[in-house]
Each structure stands twice: as structure tokens, then as C-alpha cells.
Amino acid sequence: MANSIKFLRTFAEWGDQVRPFERSDDVLRILQDLTNDFGQTFGAYVGGKFTSVWLHEGDAPGSKEDLDLIFVNQSDGFLDIVLRREGVPADGGFLSPSASVQVLDEIVDGLRVIVGTDEAGNKTRYEAIGGQYNAVGPAATLAVTNPARARKRRVRTSA
């Protein structure tokens, strides 16, 4: 089964839009690291949309504080993932720009498989490799437009 996720909240709006665990110092540090890694501005993350979703194996926990976060970067359109491991946020990799995103029930390396569909209808499958999401299959070899992201991408070309 696939669950479509929507990016309806803007991180910069704080207030009721962003819950305290979503804007913790640990999450903000990861976003700052991403700005340094990919040559983006911090505003590209905080001004963009985001969502919280359960990406780990098993049923979602009762506490929303254990949910993972996915941010849409305003500058390059990539989707950056912040995973929670035992309550501690960590860089979970990234997805190429996608018009729609679905989270599958299928599990690889303890995390749910994600499928992104671009504006042209092309689908890309993302699996956890070493605790970070990466493209899998023929689409994994496509060039990434941001050279800094291309250097950080791990590629596995066979499913």
C-alpha cells in the first residue's frame, strides 16, 4: 500500500504550524549542516514547505515527537529528510525534486521505501542505504543538477 504525503506547512511560520520537536536545536543544526553541504541558504529550508511522517519499520508510535521530517528546499526543489533514531534527529538523505511523494509499506534496511514522481510522470524509487535514502535502479544514474548534491549521493543501480 502507498500513502501519498503532502507538504502543507511552512517551517518559517512557527506558531501552531511547527511543533516544538520539529524546530528543536538538533533539527536546526541538521538544516544548518545541509546548507553548508549543498551551498544553500538557511532560508531555502525554513521558508519552504515540510511534513512529518513515519518512515521506520512497524507501526507509527503514539508520540508525534518520533516522526521523521521531510523538507522541500526552495532553492533547488530537493527534498531533504531528517530521520529520528531513538528520538535523536539525523540526516536521512534526500530525494530529487518530485511533484508527488508516496511512502510504501515495503521496508529496506529498517526504513520504508519512498517513490517520487516528477512533473513529467517519471517515478524514482528511494531506499535506505546505510541509514540514508538514495535513488535505486536506472533513475539513480541520472545527473543531479546541483554538483554538491551529486558528490553526496550514494548510488545503487540494481534493486
N, C-alpha and C. Protein backbone atom coordinates (compact mmCIF):
# COMPACT_ATOMS: atom_id res chain seq x y z
N MET A 1 0.84 -1.18 0.00
CA MET A 1 0.00 0.00 0.00
C MET A 1 0.89 1.24 0.00
N ALA A 2 0.47 2.28 -0.69
CA ALA A 2 1.22 3.53 -0.75
C ALA A 2 0.42 4.65 -0.11
N ASN A 3 1.10 5.46 0.66
CA ASN A 3 0.47 6.63 1.28
C ASN A 3 1.08 7.88 0.68
N SER A 4 0.26 8.70 0.04
CA SER A 4 0.75 9.97 -0.50
C SER A 4 0.95 10.95 0.63
N ILE A 5 2.04 11.70 0.56
CA ILE A 5 2.26 12.71 1.59
C ILE A 5 2.17 14.09 0.96
N LYS A 6 1.70 15.02 1.74
CA LYS A 6 1.52 16.40 1.30
C LYS A 6 2.42 17.32 2.12
N PHE A 7 2.88 18.35 1.48
CA PHE A 7 3.71 19.36 2.14
C PHE A 7 2.87 20.61 2.28
N LEU A 8 2.19 20.74 3.41
CA LEU A 8 1.21 21.81 3.60
C LEU A 8 1.66 22.89 4.57
N ARG A 9 2.69 22.61 5.35
CA ARG A 9 3.12 23.58 6.37
C ARG A 9 4.42 24.24 5.95
N THR A 10 4.56 25.51 6.32
CA THR A 10 5.79 26.26 6.07
C THR A 10 6.57 26.36 7.37
N PHE A 11 7.83 25.94 7.33
CA PHE A 11 8.65 25.87 8.53
C PHE A 11 8.82 27.23 9.19
N ALA A 12 8.95 28.29 8.43
CA ALA A 12 9.21 29.63 8.98
C ALA A 12 8.01 30.21 9.73
N GLU A 13 6.85 29.65 9.57
CA GLU A 13 5.66 30.20 10.21
C GLU A 13 5.60 29.93 11.71
N TRP A 14 6.40 28.99 12.20
CA TRP A 14 6.43 28.65 13.62
C TRP A 14 5.01 28.53 14.17
N GLY A 15 4.71 29.17 15.27
CA GLY A 15 3.37 29.11 15.85
C GLY A 15 2.80 27.71 15.86
N ASP A 16 1.52 27.60 15.53
CA ASP A 16 0.85 26.31 15.51
C ASP A 16 1.29 25.46 14.32
N GLN A 17 1.89 26.09 13.31
CA GLN A 17 2.33 25.38 12.11
C GLN A 17 3.46 24.39 12.40
N VAL A 18 4.33 24.74 13.35
CA VAL A 18 5.52 23.94 13.63
C VAL A 18 5.54 23.58 15.11
N ARG A 19 5.53 22.30 15.39
CA ARG A 19 5.54 21.83 16.77
C ARG A 19 6.96 21.92 17.35
N PRO A 20 7.08 22.05 18.66
CA PRO A 20 8.41 22.23 19.28
C PRO A 20 9.44 21.18 18.87
N PHE A 21 9.06 19.91 18.76
CA PHE A 21 10.03 18.88 18.41
C PHE A 21 10.51 19.03 16.96
N GLU A 22 9.73 19.69 16.13
CA GLU A 22 10.11 19.89 14.73
C GLU A 22 11.11 21.02 14.57
N ARG A 23 11.18 21.91 15.53
CA ARG A 23 12.11 23.03 15.45
C ARG A 23 13.15 22.98 16.57
N SER A 24 13.45 21.79 17.04
CA SER A 24 14.44 21.63 18.11
C SER A 24 15.82 22.06 17.63
N ASP A 25 16.71 22.32 18.56
CA ASP A 25 18.08 22.71 18.21
C ASP A 25 18.74 21.65 17.34
N ASP A 26 18.47 20.36 17.62
CA ASP A 26 19.07 19.28 16.82
C ASP A 26 18.61 19.34 15.37
N VAL A 27 17.33 19.59 15.14
CA VAL A 27 16.81 19.70 13.78
C VAL A 27 17.41 20.92 13.09
N LEU A 28 17.46 22.04 13.78
CA LEU A 28 18.04 23.26 13.19
C LEU A 28 19.52 23.06 12.85
N ARG A 29 20.25 22.30 13.66
CA ARG A 29 21.66 22.02 13.36
C ARG A 29 21.79 21.19 12.09
N ILE A 30 20.92 20.22 11.92
CA ILE A 30 20.96 19.41 10.70
C ILE A 30 20.67 20.28 9.48
N LEU A 31 19.68 21.15 9.57
CA LEU A 31 19.38 22.06 8.46
C LEU A 31 20.57 22.97 8.17
N GLN A 32 21.24 23.44 9.20
CA GLN A 32 22.42 24.28 9.01
C GLN A 32 23.53 23.48 8.31
N ASP A 33 23.73 22.23 8.71
CA ASP A 33 24.73 21.38 8.05
C ASP A 33 24.38 21.18 6.58
N LEU A 34 23.11 21.00 6.28
CA LEU A 34 22.69 20.82 4.89
C LEU A 34 22.97 22.08 4.08
N THR A 35 22.77 23.25 4.67
CA THR A 35 23.06 24.48 3.93
C THR A 35 24.54 24.54 3.60
N ASN A 36 25.39 24.12 4.52
CA ASN A 36 26.83 24.12 4.27
C ASN A 36 27.21 23.06 3.23
N ASP A 37 26.64 21.87 3.33
CA ASP A 37 26.96 20.78 2.41
C ASP A 37 26.55 21.08 0.97
N PHE A 38 25.41 21.72 0.80
CA PHE A 38 24.85 21.89 -0.53
C PHE A 38 24.88 23.32 -1.05
N GLY A 39 25.56 24.21 -0.34
CA GLY A 39 25.69 25.59 -0.81
C GLY A 39 24.37 26.33 -0.89
N GLN A 40 23.45 26.00 0.01
CA GLN A 40 22.14 26.65 0.03
C GLN A 40 22.10 27.69 1.14
N THR A 41 21.09 28.52 1.12
CA THR A 41 20.87 29.43 2.24
C THR A 41 19.97 28.74 3.25
N PHE A 42 20.09 29.14 4.50
CA PHE A 42 19.25 28.58 5.55
C PHE A 42 17.78 28.87 5.24
N GLY A 43 17.53 30.03 4.65
CA GLY A 43 16.17 30.41 4.29
C GLY A 43 15.54 29.49 3.27
N ALA A 44 16.36 28.79 2.47
CA ALA A 44 15.82 27.85 1.49
C ALA A 44 15.10 26.69 2.18
N TYR A 45 15.51 26.40 3.41
CA TYR A 45 14.84 25.35 4.18
C TYR A 45 13.70 25.91 5.01
N VAL A 46 13.98 26.93 5.79
CA VAL A 46 12.95 27.42 6.71
C VAL A 46 11.81 28.12 5.98
N GLY A 47 12.05 28.62 4.78
CA GLY A 47 10.99 29.25 4.01
C GLY A 47 10.19 28.28 3.18
N GLY A 48 10.64 27.02 3.13
CA GLY A 48 9.98 26.01 2.33
C GLY A 48 8.95 25.22 3.10
N LYS A 49 8.24 24.39 2.38
CA LYS A 49 7.22 23.52 2.98
C LYS A 49 7.89 22.29 3.59
N PHE A 50 7.19 21.67 4.52
CA PHE A 50 7.69 20.43 5.13
C PHE A 50 6.53 19.61 5.63
N THR A 51 6.84 18.38 6.01
CA THR A 51 5.84 17.50 6.60
C THR A 51 6.51 16.57 7.60
N SER A 52 5.72 15.99 8.47
CA SER A 52 6.23 14.96 9.37
C SER A 52 5.53 13.65 9.01
N VAL A 53 6.29 12.57 9.02
CA VAL A 53 5.78 11.28 8.56
C VAL A 53 6.57 10.16 9.24
N TRP A 54 5.95 9.00 9.42
CA TRP A 54 6.63 7.84 9.99
C TRP A 54 7.27 7.05 8.86
N LEU A 55 8.60 6.97 8.84
CA LEU A 55 9.32 6.25 7.79
C LEU A 55 9.94 4.94 8.27
N HIS A 56 9.90 4.68 9.56
CA HIS A 56 10.56 3.49 10.11
C HIS A 56 9.66 2.26 10.01
N GLU A 57 10.27 1.11 10.23
CA GLU A 57 9.56 -0.15 10.23
C GLU A 57 8.56 -0.20 11.38
N GLY A 58 7.47 -0.92 11.19
CA GLY A 58 6.48 -1.08 12.25
C GLY A 58 5.45 0.02 12.27
N ASP A 59 4.57 -0.07 13.26
CA ASP A 59 3.50 0.92 13.39
C ASP A 59 4.06 2.25 13.89
N ALA A 60 3.41 3.31 13.48
CA ALA A 60 3.81 4.64 13.95
C ALA A 60 3.63 4.71 15.46
N PRO A 61 4.54 5.39 16.14
CA PRO A 61 4.44 5.48 17.59
C PRO A 61 3.28 6.38 18.01
N GLY A 62 2.91 6.28 19.26
CA GLY A 62 1.84 7.13 19.78
C GLY A 62 2.26 8.58 19.87
N SER A 63 3.55 8.82 20.04
CA SER A 63 4.06 10.18 20.19
C SER A 63 4.47 10.76 18.83
N LYS A 64 3.94 11.92 18.50
CA LYS A 64 4.32 12.59 17.26
C LYS A 64 5.79 13.03 17.28
N GLU A 65 6.38 13.10 18.45
CA GLU A 65 7.77 13.54 18.58
C GLU A 65 8.75 12.56 17.95
N ASP A 66 8.30 11.36 17.62
CA ASP A 66 9.17 10.38 16.98
C ASP A 66 9.05 10.39 15.46
N LEU A 67 8.19 11.25 14.91
CA LEU A 67 8.01 11.30 13.46
C LEU A 67 9.24 11.89 12.78
N ASP A 68 9.48 11.43 11.55
CA ASP A 68 10.57 11.95 10.74
C ASP A 68 10.07 13.18 9.99
N LEU A 69 11.00 13.98 9.48
CA LEU A 69 10.64 15.22 8.80
C LEU A 69 11.18 15.21 7.38
N ILE A 70 10.42 15.77 6.45
CA ILE A 70 10.88 15.94 5.07
C ILE A 70 10.68 17.41 4.71
N PHE A 71 11.76 18.06 4.29
CA PHE A 71 11.75 19.47 3.93
C PHE A 71 11.90 19.63 2.43
N VAL A 72 11.12 20.53 1.83
CA VAL A 72 11.29 20.88 0.42
C VAL A 72 12.18 22.11 0.37
N ASN A 73 13.36 21.97 -0.23
CA ASN A 73 14.29 23.09 -0.34
C ASN A 73 13.80 24.05 -1.42
N GLN A 74 13.60 25.31 -1.06
CA GLN A 74 13.08 26.30 -2.01
C GLN A 74 14.04 26.59 -3.15
N SER A 75 15.34 26.47 -2.92
CA SER A 75 16.32 26.83 -3.95
C SER A 75 16.41 25.81 -5.07
N ASP A 76 16.53 24.52 -4.72
CA ASP A 76 16.75 23.52 -5.77
C ASP A 76 15.63 22.49 -5.88
N GLY A 77 14.62 22.57 -5.02
CA GLY A 77 13.48 21.66 -5.10
C GLY A 77 13.70 20.28 -4.53
N PHE A 78 14.93 19.98 -4.08
CA PHE A 78 15.19 18.67 -3.50
C PHE A 78 14.46 18.53 -2.17
N LEU A 79 14.19 17.31 -1.79
CA LEU A 79 13.51 17.02 -0.53
C LEU A 79 14.52 16.40 0.42
N ASP A 80 14.79 17.08 1.52
CA ASP A 80 15.78 16.63 2.49
C ASP A 80 15.07 15.99 3.67
N ILE A 81 15.59 14.84 4.10
CA ILE A 81 14.95 14.04 5.13
C ILE A 81 15.73 14.13 6.44
N VAL A 82 15.00 14.36 7.52
CA VAL A 82 15.57 14.29 8.86
C VAL A 82 14.90 13.10 9.55
N LEU A 83 15.69 12.05 9.79
CA LEU A 83 15.19 10.85 10.45
C LEU A 83 15.39 10.96 11.95
N ARG A 84 14.49 10.37 12.70
CA ARG A 84 14.66 10.31 14.16
C ARG A 84 15.08 8.89 14.52
N ARG A 85 16.25 8.79 15.10
CA ARG A 85 16.75 7.49 15.55
C ARG A 85 16.80 7.53 17.07
N GLU A 86 15.91 6.75 17.68
CA GLU A 86 15.79 6.75 19.14
C GLU A 86 15.59 8.17 19.67
N GLY A 87 14.77 8.94 18.96
CA GLY A 87 14.43 10.30 19.38
C GLY A 87 15.42 11.36 18.96
N VAL A 88 16.56 10.97 18.41
CA VAL A 88 17.60 11.93 18.02
C VAL A 88 17.54 12.16 16.51
N PRO A 89 17.40 13.42 16.06
CA PRO A 89 17.36 13.70 14.62
C PRO A 89 18.71 13.45 13.96
N ALA A 90 18.67 12.93 12.72
CA ALA A 90 19.88 12.68 11.93
C ALA A 90 19.57 12.92 10.46
N ASP A 91 20.59 13.27 9.68
CA ASP A 91 20.45 13.45 8.24
C ASP A 91 20.01 12.12 7.63
N GLY A 92 18.89 12.13 6.92
CA GLY A 92 18.35 10.91 6.33
C GLY A 92 18.48 10.84 4.83
N GLY A 93 19.31 11.71 4.24
CA GLY A 93 19.47 11.71 2.80
C GLY A 93 18.49 12.66 2.13
N PHE A 94 18.37 12.52 0.81
CA PHE A 94 17.49 13.42 0.08
C PHE A 94 16.88 12.74 -1.13
N LEU A 95 15.79 13.34 -1.62
CA LEU A 95 15.11 12.89 -2.82
C LEU A 95 15.23 13.98 -3.87
N SER A 96 15.28 13.58 -5.13
CA SER A 96 15.27 14.56 -6.21
C SER A 96 13.93 15.28 -6.23
N PRO A 97 13.87 16.46 -6.88
CA PRO A 97 12.60 17.19 -6.92
C PRO A 97 11.45 16.29 -7.40
N SER A 98 10.34 16.34 -6.71
CA SER A 98 9.20 15.47 -7.00
C SER A 98 7.90 16.24 -6.90
N ALA A 99 7.01 16.01 -7.87
CA ALA A 99 5.69 16.62 -7.84
C ALA A 99 4.80 15.90 -6.83
N SER A 100 5.05 14.60 -6.65
CA SER A 100 4.31 13.84 -5.64
C SER A 100 5.25 12.82 -5.00
N VAL A 101 4.94 12.49 -3.76
CA VAL A 101 5.77 11.57 -2.98
C VAL A 101 4.85 10.56 -2.31
N GLN A 102 5.20 9.28 -2.43
CA GLN A 102 4.45 8.22 -1.77
C GLN A 102 5.38 7.41 -0.88
N VAL A 103 4.89 7.06 0.29
CA VAL A 103 5.62 6.19 1.21
C VAL A 103 4.96 4.82 1.14
N LEU A 104 5.76 3.80 0.81
CA LEU A 104 5.25 2.44 0.69
C LEU A 104 5.38 1.69 2.02
N ASP A 105 4.65 0.60 2.15
CA ASP A 105 4.77 -0.26 3.33
C ASP A 105 6.00 -1.16 3.24
N GLU A 106 6.60 -1.26 2.07
CA GLU A 106 7.79 -2.08 1.87
C GLU A 106 8.96 -1.51 2.68
N ILE A 107 9.72 -2.39 3.34
CA ILE A 107 10.82 -1.98 4.21
C ILE A 107 12.15 -2.44 3.63
N VAL A 108 13.14 -1.55 3.61
CA VAL A 108 14.51 -1.88 3.24
C VAL A 108 15.42 -1.25 4.29
N ASP A 109 16.26 -2.04 4.90
CA ASP A 109 17.21 -1.54 5.90
C ASP A 109 16.51 -0.78 7.04
N GLY A 110 15.32 -1.28 7.42
CA GLY A 110 14.60 -0.71 8.56
C GLY A 110 13.78 0.53 8.26
N LEU A 111 13.77 0.98 7.00
CA LEU A 111 13.02 2.19 6.62
C LEU A 111 12.10 1.90 5.44
N ARG A 112 10.99 2.60 5.39
CA ARG A 112 10.02 2.43 4.31
C ARG A 112 10.59 2.96 2.99
N VAL A 113 10.21 2.30 1.91
CA VAL A 113 10.59 2.73 0.57
C VAL A 113 9.75 3.95 0.20
N ILE A 114 10.37 4.91 -0.48
CA ILE A 114 9.69 6.12 -0.94
C ILE A 114 9.74 6.14 -2.46
N VAL A 115 8.65 6.56 -3.09
CA VAL A 115 8.62 6.74 -4.55
C VAL A 115 8.27 8.19 -4.84
N GLY A 116 9.14 8.85 -5.59
CA GLY A 116 8.89 10.22 -6.01
C GLY A 116 8.53 10.24 -7.48
N THR A 117 7.57 11.07 -7.85
CA THR A 117 7.16 11.22 -9.24
C THR A 117 7.39 12.66 -9.65
N ASP A 118 8.16 12.86 -10.74
CA ASP A 118 8.45 14.23 -11.17
C ASP A 118 7.32 14.79 -12.02
N GLU A 119 7.48 16.04 -12.46
CA GLU A 119 6.43 16.72 -13.24
C GLU A 119 6.07 15.97 -14.53
N ALA A 120 7.04 15.26 -15.12
CA ALA A 120 6.80 14.53 -16.36
C ALA A 120 6.20 13.15 -16.13
N GLY A 121 6.00 12.76 -14.87
CA GLY A 121 5.42 11.47 -14.56
C GLY A 121 6.45 10.36 -14.36
N ASN A 122 7.73 10.68 -14.41
CA ASN A 122 8.78 9.69 -14.19
C ASN A 122 8.89 9.37 -12.70
N LYS A 123 8.92 8.09 -12.39
CA LYS A 123 8.99 7.66 -10.99
C LYS A 123 10.42 7.28 -10.63
N THR A 124 10.82 7.64 -9.41
CA THR A 124 12.11 7.25 -8.87
C THR A 124 11.89 6.59 -7.52
N ARG A 125 12.50 5.43 -7.35
CA ARG A 125 12.39 4.67 -6.10
C ARG A 125 13.57 5.03 -5.20
N TYR A 126 13.28 5.24 -3.92
CA TYR A 126 14.32 5.57 -2.94
C TYR A 126 14.28 4.54 -1.81
N GLU A 127 15.46 3.98 -1.51
CA GLU A 127 15.59 3.03 -0.42
C GLU A 127 16.67 3.52 0.53
N ALA A 128 16.59 3.01 1.75
CA ALA A 128 17.63 3.32 2.73
C ALA A 128 18.88 2.51 2.40
N ILE A 129 19.99 3.19 2.32
CA ILE A 129 21.29 2.56 2.13
C ILE A 129 22.17 3.14 3.22
N GLY A 130 22.53 2.32 4.18
CA GLY A 130 23.36 2.82 5.28
C GLY A 130 22.66 3.90 6.09
N GLY A 131 21.33 3.82 6.22
CA GLY A 131 20.59 4.76 7.05
C GLY A 131 20.23 6.07 6.36
N GLN A 132 20.51 6.19 5.05
CA GLN A 132 20.11 7.39 4.31
C GLN A 132 19.39 6.97 3.03
N TYR A 133 18.41 7.78 2.65
CA TYR A 133 17.66 7.50 1.43
C TYR A 133 18.48 7.85 0.20
N ASN A 134 18.42 6.95 -0.79
CA ASN A 134 19.13 7.12 -2.05
C ASN A 134 18.30 6.51 -3.17
N ALA A 135 18.46 7.05 -4.39
CA ALA A 135 17.75 6.53 -5.54
C ALA A 135 18.28 5.14 -5.88
N VAL A 136 17.39 4.28 -6.37
CA VAL A 136 17.73 2.91 -6.73
C VAL A 136 17.25 2.65 -8.14
N GLY A 137 18.01 1.86 -8.91
CA GLY A 137 17.62 1.48 -10.25
C GLY A 137 18.15 2.44 -11.29
N PRO A 138 17.64 2.32 -12.52
CA PRO A 138 18.15 3.14 -13.62
C PRO A 138 18.10 4.64 -13.35
N ALA A 139 17.09 5.11 -12.63
CA ALA A 139 16.98 6.55 -12.34
C ALA A 139 18.10 7.03 -11.44
N ALA A 140 18.75 6.12 -10.72
CA ALA A 140 19.82 6.51 -9.80
C ALA A 140 21.02 7.08 -10.53
N THR A 141 21.16 6.74 -11.80
CA THR A 141 22.33 7.21 -12.54
C THR A 141 22.10 8.55 -13.22
N LEU A 142 20.89 9.08 -13.12
CA LEU A 142 20.61 10.39 -13.72
C LEU A 142 21.44 11.46 -13.04
N ALA A 143 21.88 12.44 -13.82
CA ALA A 143 22.69 13.52 -13.26
C ALA A 143 21.87 14.35 -12.28
N VAL A 144 22.51 14.75 -11.22
CA VAL A 144 21.90 15.65 -10.25
C VAL A 144 22.35 17.05 -10.62
N THR A 145 21.41 17.99 -10.70
CA THR A 145 21.73 19.33 -11.19
C THR A 145 22.61 20.13 -10.25
N ASN A 146 22.57 19.86 -8.97
CA ASN A 146 23.40 20.56 -8.00
C ASN A 146 24.66 19.72 -7.78
N PRO A 147 25.85 20.20 -8.21
CA PRO A 147 27.08 19.39 -8.10
C PRO A 147 27.38 18.96 -6.67
N ALA A 148 27.06 19.80 -5.68
CA ALA A 148 27.31 19.42 -4.29
C ALA A 148 26.45 18.22 -3.90
N ARG A 149 25.23 18.18 -4.39
CA ARG A 149 24.37 17.03 -4.10
C ARG A 149 24.87 15.79 -4.83
N ALA A 150 25.36 15.95 -6.05
CA ALA A 150 25.89 14.81 -6.80
C ALA A 150 27.05 14.16 -6.05
N ARG A 151 27.88 14.94 -5.41
CA ARG A 151 29.01 14.39 -4.65
C ARG A 151 28.54 13.61 -3.43
N LYS A 152 27.42 14.01 -2.85
CA LYS A 152 26.93 13.37 -1.63
C LYS A 152 26.06 12.14 -1.90
N ARG A 153 25.61 11.98 -3.14
CA ARG A 153 24.67 10.90 -3.44
C ARG A 153 25.38 9.55 -3.47
N ARG A 154 24.79 8.59 -2.80
CA ARG A 154 25.23 7.20 -2.92
C ARG A 154 24.33 6.57 -3.96
N VAL A 155 24.89 5.76 -4.81
CA VAL A 155 24.10 5.18 -5.89
C VAL A 155 24.15 3.66 -5.83
N ARG A 156 22.98 3.05 -5.95
CA ARG A 156 22.88 1.60 -6.12
C ARG A 156 22.01 1.40 -7.35
N THR A 157 22.56 0.82 -8.41
CA THR A 157 21.83 0.76 -9.67
C THR A 157 21.01 -0.52 -9.84
N SER A 158 21.09 -1.45 -8.91
CA SER A 158 20.24 -2.63 -9.01
C SER A 158 19.36 -2.72 -7.77
N ALA A 159 18.14 -3.15 -7.98
CA ALA A 159 17.19 -3.22 -6.86
C ALA A 159 17.49 -4.38 -5.95
